[in-house]
Amino acid sequence: MDILRIIVAILLPPLGVFLQVGLGAQFWLNILLTLLGYIPGIVHAIWIIARR
């Protein structure tokens, strides 16, 4: 299941984080990072998925 989340995180980083943690602070942080730059959003999403 983590492989699917990582693939989703590469395509849509906030969705990958949402699937992992829901509508928490990490989700909103990832939206902010994705808006500031797509790559930081991807890195944060993969870090969140790999951490848990």
PDB file of N, CA and C in Angstrom:
ATOM      1  N   MET A   1       0.822  -1.192   0.000  1.00  0.00           N
ATOM      2  CA  MET A   1       0.000   0.000   0.000  1.00  0.00           C
ATOM      3  C   MET A   1       0.871   1.263   0.000  1.00  0.00           C
ATOM      4  N   ASP A   2       2.043   1.192   0.622  1.00  0.00           N
ATOM      5  CA  ASP A   2       2.922   2.366   0.637  1.00  0.00           C
ATOM      6  C   ASP A   2       3.414   2.712  -0.761  1.00  0.00           C
ATOM      7  N   ILE A   3       3.596   1.719  -1.619  1.00  0.00           N
ATOM      8  CA  ILE A   3       4.039   1.992  -2.983  1.00  0.00           C
ATOM      9  C   ILE A   3       2.983   2.815  -3.714  1.00  0.00           C
ATOM     10  N   LEU A   4       1.722   2.464  -3.531  1.00  0.00           N
ATOM     11  CA  LEU A   4       0.634   3.222  -4.157  1.00  0.00           C
ATOM     12  C   LEU A   4       0.598   4.653  -3.627  1.00  0.00           C
ATOM     13  N   ARG A   5       0.792   4.812  -2.327  1.00  0.00           N
ATOM     14  CA  ARG A   5       0.809   6.163  -1.737  1.00  0.00           C
ATOM     15  C   ARG A   5       1.976   6.987  -2.258  1.00  0.00           C
ATOM     16  N   ILE A   6       3.122   6.366  -2.457  1.00  0.00           N
ATOM     17  CA  ILE A   6       4.290   7.090  -2.982  1.00  0.00           C
ATOM     18  C   ILE A   6       4.042   7.524  -4.420  1.00  0.00           C
ATOM     19  N   ILE A   7       3.422   6.667  -5.219  1.00  0.00           N
ATOM     20  CA  ILE A   7       3.094   7.037  -6.599  1.00  0.00           C
ATOM     21  C   ILE A   7       2.116   8.197  -6.612  1.00  0.00           C
ATOM     22  N   VAL A   8       1.101   8.138  -5.756  1.00  0.00           N
ATOM     23  CA  VAL A   8       0.135   9.240  -5.665  1.00  0.00           C
ATOM     24  C   VAL A   8       0.835  10.510  -5.172  1.00  0.00           C
ATOM     25  N   ALA A   9       1.780  10.361  -4.242  1.00  0.00           N
ATOM     26  CA  ALA A   9       2.497  11.526  -3.707  1.00  0.00           C
ATOM     27  C   ALA A   9       3.346  12.198  -4.774  1.00  0.00           C
ATOM     28  N   ILE A  10       3.844  11.443  -5.723  1.00  0.00           N
ATOM     29  CA  ILE A  10       4.633  12.044  -6.798  1.00  0.00           C
ATOM     30  C   ILE A  10       3.718  12.818  -7.745  1.00  0.00           C
ATOM     31  N   LEU A  11       2.540  12.273  -8.018  1.00  0.00           N
ATOM     32  CA  LEU A  11       1.612  12.935  -8.927  1.00  0.00           C
ATOM     33  C   LEU A  11       0.883  14.097  -8.256  1.00  0.00           C
ATOM     34  N   LEU A  12       0.339  13.867  -7.062  1.00  0.00           N
ATOM     35  CA  LEU A  12      -0.398  14.883  -6.299  1.00  0.00           C
ATOM     36  C   LEU A  12       0.029  14.799  -4.833  1.00  0.00           C
ATOM     37  N   PRO A  13       1.056  15.542  -4.449  1.00  0.00           N
ATOM     38  CA  PRO A  13       1.588  15.429  -3.090  1.00  0.00           C
ATOM     39  C   PRO A  13       0.561  15.589  -1.968  1.00  0.00           C
ATOM     40  N   PRO A  14      -0.348  16.569  -2.016  1.00  0.00           N
ATOM     41  CA  PRO A  14      -1.306  16.684  -0.909  1.00  0.00           C
ATOM     42  C   PRO A  14      -2.223  15.462  -0.775  1.00  0.00           C
ATOM     43  N   LEU A  15      -2.566  14.838  -1.886  1.00  0.00           N
ATOM     44  CA  LEU A  15      -3.411  13.645  -1.816  1.00  0.00           C
ATOM     45  C   LEU A  15      -2.671  12.492  -1.144  1.00  0.00           C
ATOM     46  N   GLY A  16      -1.393  12.343  -1.429  1.00  0.00           N
ATOM     47  CA  GLY A  16      -0.603  11.310  -0.775  1.00  0.00           C
ATOM     48  C   GLY A  16      -0.533  11.510   0.734  1.00  0.00           C
ATOM     49  N   VAL A  17      -0.375  12.744   1.160  1.00  0.00           N
ATOM     50  CA  VAL A  17      -0.342  13.046   2.595  1.00  0.00           C
ATOM     51  C   VAL A  17      -1.721  12.832   3.208  1.00  0.00           C
ATOM     52  N   PHE A  18      -2.760  13.238   2.503  1.00  0.00           N
ATOM     53  CA  PHE A  18      -4.126  13.045   3.000  1.00  0.00           C
ATOM     54  C   PHE A  18      -4.430  11.566   3.214  1.00  0.00           C
ATOM     55  N   LEU A  19      -4.006  10.720   2.290  1.00  0.00           N
ATOM     56  CA  LEU A  19      -4.242   9.279   2.437  1.00  0.00           C
ATOM     57  C   LEU A  19      -3.494   8.711   3.641  1.00  0.00           C
ATOM     58  N   GLN A  20      -2.394   9.337   4.010  1.00  0.00           N
ATOM     59  CA  GLN A  20      -1.593   8.842   5.133  1.00  0.00           C
ATOM     60  C   GLN A  20      -2.072   9.385   6.473  1.00  0.00           C
ATOM     61  N   VAL A  21      -2.323  10.698   6.569  1.00  0.00           N
ATOM     62  CA  VAL A  21      -2.605  11.303   7.878  1.00  0.00           C
ATOM     63  C   VAL A  21      -3.955  11.992   7.990  1.00  0.00           C
ATOM     64  N   GLY A  22      -4.667  12.161   6.906  1.00  0.00           N
ATOM     65  CA  GLY A  22      -5.964  12.847   6.966  1.00  0.00           C
ATOM     66  C   GLY A  22      -5.791  14.357   6.908  1.00  0.00           C
ATOM     67  N   LEU A  23      -6.796  15.075   7.400  1.00  0.00           N
ATOM     68  CA  LEU A  23      -6.801  16.542   7.331  1.00  0.00           C
ATOM     69  C   LEU A  23      -6.125  17.174   8.551  1.00  0.00           C
ATOM     70  N   GLY A  24      -4.902  16.820   8.787  1.00  0.00           N
ATOM     71  CA  GLY A  24      -4.167  17.374   9.917  1.00  0.00           C
ATOM     72  C   GLY A  24      -3.248  18.496   9.486  1.00  0.00           C
ATOM     73  N   ALA A  25      -2.392  18.882  10.388  1.00  0.00           N
ATOM     74  CA  ALA A  25      -1.447  19.975  10.127  1.00  0.00           C
ATOM     75  C   ALA A  25      -0.465  19.608   9.016  1.00  0.00           C
ATOM     76  N   GLN A  26      -0.075  18.339   8.938  1.00  0.00           N
ATOM     77  CA  GLN A  26       0.858  17.911   7.888  1.00  0.00           C
ATOM     78  C   GLN A  26       0.254  18.081   6.498  1.00  0.00           C
ATOM     79  N   PHE A  27      -1.046  17.845   6.385  1.00  0.00           N
ATOM     80  CA  PHE A  27      -1.741  18.022   5.108  1.00  0.00           C
ATOM     81  C   PHE A  27      -1.680  19.476   4.658  1.00  0.00           C
ATOM     82  N   TRP A  28      -2.005  20.398   5.564  1.00  0.00           N
ATOM     83  CA  TRP A  28      -2.001  21.824   5.211  1.00  0.00           C
ATOM     84  C   TRP A  28      -0.591  22.323   4.938  1.00  0.00           C
ATOM     85  N   LEU A  29       0.384  21.806   5.671  1.00  0.00           N
ATOM     86  CA  LEU A  29       1.779  22.162   5.404  1.00  0.00           C
ATOM     87  C   LEU A  29       2.185  21.691   4.015  1.00  0.00           C
ATOM     88  N   ASN A  30       1.739  20.512   3.635  1.00  0.00           N
ATOM     89  CA  ASN A  30       2.079  19.996   2.319  1.00  0.00           C
ATOM     90  C   ASN A  30       1.423  20.815   1.209  1.00  0.00           C
ATOM     91  N   ILE A  31       0.203  21.268   1.419  1.00  0.00           N
ATOM     92  CA  ILE A  31      -0.433  22.135   0.420  1.00  0.00           C
ATOM     93  C   ILE A  31       0.381  23.411   0.258  1.00  0.00           C
ATOM     94  N   LEU A  32       0.815  23.994   1.365  1.00  0.00           N
ATOM     95  CA  LEU A  32       1.632  25.208   1.311  1.00  0.00           C
ATOM     96  C   LEU A  32       2.944  24.954   0.570  1.00  0.00           C
ATOM     97  N   LEU A  33       3.612  23.852   0.899  1.00  0.00           N
ATOM     98  CA  LEU A  33       4.877  23.534   0.234  1.00  0.00           C
ATOM     99  C   LEU A  33       4.676  23.269  -1.253  1.00  0.00           C
ATOM    100  N   THR A  34       3.577  22.624  -1.598  1.00  0.00           N
ATOM    101  CA  THR A  34       3.297  22.349  -3.009  1.00  0.00           C
ATOM    102  C   THR A  34       3.019  23.642  -3.765  1.00  0.00           C
ATOM    103  N   LEU A  35       2.334  24.579  -3.135  1.00  0.00           N
ATOM    104  CA  LEU A  35       2.078  25.865  -3.788  1.00  0.00           C
ATOM    105  C   LEU A  35       3.359  26.682  -3.959  1.00  0.00           C
ATOM    106  N   LEU A  36       4.267  26.566  -2.995  1.00  0.00           N
ATOM    107  CA  LEU A  36       5.528  27.300  -3.084  1.00  0.00           C
ATOM    108  C   LEU A  36       6.493  26.680  -4.089  1.00  0.00           C
ATOM    109  N   GLY A  37       6.366  25.391  -4.292  1.00  0.00           N
ATOM    110  CA  GLY A  37       7.212  24.679  -5.243  1.00  0.00           C
ATOM    111  C   GLY A  37       6.816  23.224  -5.261  1.00  0.00           C
ATOM    112  N   TYR A  38       6.667  22.682  -6.434  1.00  0.00           N
ATOM    113  CA  TYR A  38       6.169  21.314  -6.557  1.00  0.00           C
ATOM    114  C   TYR A  38       7.126  20.295  -5.911  1.00  0.00           C
ATOM    115  N   ILE A  39       8.409  20.475  -6.090  1.00  0.00           N
ATOM    116  CA  ILE A  39       9.406  19.524  -5.558  1.00  0.00           C
ATOM    117  C   ILE A  39       9.399  19.477  -4.027  1.00  0.00           C
ATOM    118  N   PRO A  40       9.366  20.614  -3.314  1.00  0.00           N
ATOM    119  CA  PRO A  40       9.281  20.520  -1.852  1.00  0.00           C
ATOM    120  C   PRO A  40       8.034  19.784  -1.377  1.00  0.00           C
ATOM    121  N   GLY A  41       6.933  19.921  -2.091  1.00  0.00           N
ATOM    122  CA  GLY A  41       5.718  19.187  -1.748  1.00  0.00           C
ATOM    123  C   GLY A  41       5.901  17.691  -1.902  1.00  0.00           C
ATOM    124  N   ILE A  42       6.575  17.285  -2.973  1.00  0.00           N
ATOM    125  CA  ILE A  42       6.831  15.864  -3.203  1.00  0.00           C
ATOM    126  C   ILE A  42       7.754  15.306  -2.122  1.00  0.00           C
ATOM    127  N   VAL A  43       8.812  16.027  -1.820  1.00  0.00           N
ATOM    128  CA  VAL A  43       9.767  15.564  -0.801  1.00  0.00           C
ATOM    129  C   VAL A  43       9.071  15.423   0.553  1.00  0.00           C
ATOM    130  N   HIS A  44       8.275  16.391   0.921  1.00  0.00           N
ATOM    131  CA  HIS A  44       7.563  16.330   2.197  1.00  0.00           C
ATOM    132  C   HIS A  44       6.582  15.162   2.218  1.00  0.00           C
ATOM    133  N   ALA A  45       5.851  14.959   1.133  1.00  0.00           N
ATOM    134  CA  ALA A  45       4.878  13.867   1.075  1.00  0.00           C
ATOM    135  C   ALA A  45       5.555  12.509   1.194  1.00  0.00           C
ATOM    136  N   ILE A  46       6.647  12.319   0.493  1.00  0.00           N
ATOM    137  CA  ILE A  46       7.360  11.034   0.570  1.00  0.00           C
ATOM    138  C   ILE A  46       7.953  10.843   1.956  1.00  0.00           C
ATOM    139  N   TRP A  47       8.430  11.917   2.563  1.00  0.00           N
ATOM    140  CA  TRP A  47       8.966  11.819   3.926  1.00  0.00           C
ATOM    141  C   TRP A  47       7.870  11.404   4.915  1.00  0.00           C
ATOM    142  N   ILE A  48       6.676  11.985   4.784  1.00  0.00           N
ATOM    143  CA  ILE A  48       5.569  11.630   5.661  1.00  0.00           C
ATOM    144  C   ILE A  48       5.170  10.171   5.477  1.00  0.00           C
ATOM    145  N   ILE A  49       5.106   9.719   4.236  1.00  0.00           N
ATOM    146  CA  ILE A  49       4.708   8.339   3.959  1.00  0.00           C
ATOM    147  C   ILE A  49       5.764   7.359   4.450  1.00  0.00           C
ATOM    148  N   ALA A  50       7.027   7.652   4.224  1.00  0.00           N
ATOM    149  CA  ALA A  50       8.110   6.752   4.622  1.00  0.00           C
ATOM    150  C   ALA A  50       8.292   6.712   6.136  1.00  0.00           C
ATOM    151  N   ARG A  51       7.962   7.800   6.801  1.00  0.00           N
ATOM    152  CA  ARG A  51       8.158   7.895   8.256  1.00  0.00           C
ATOM    153  C   ARG A  51       7.203   6.977   9.014  1.00  0.00           C
ATOM    154  N   ARG A  52       6.016   6.791   8.532  1.00  0.00           N
ATOM    155  CA  ARG A  52       5.009   6.006   9.256  1.00  0.00           C
ATOM    156  C   ARG A  52       4.950   4.586   8.820  1.00  0.00           C
TER     157      ARG A  52
END
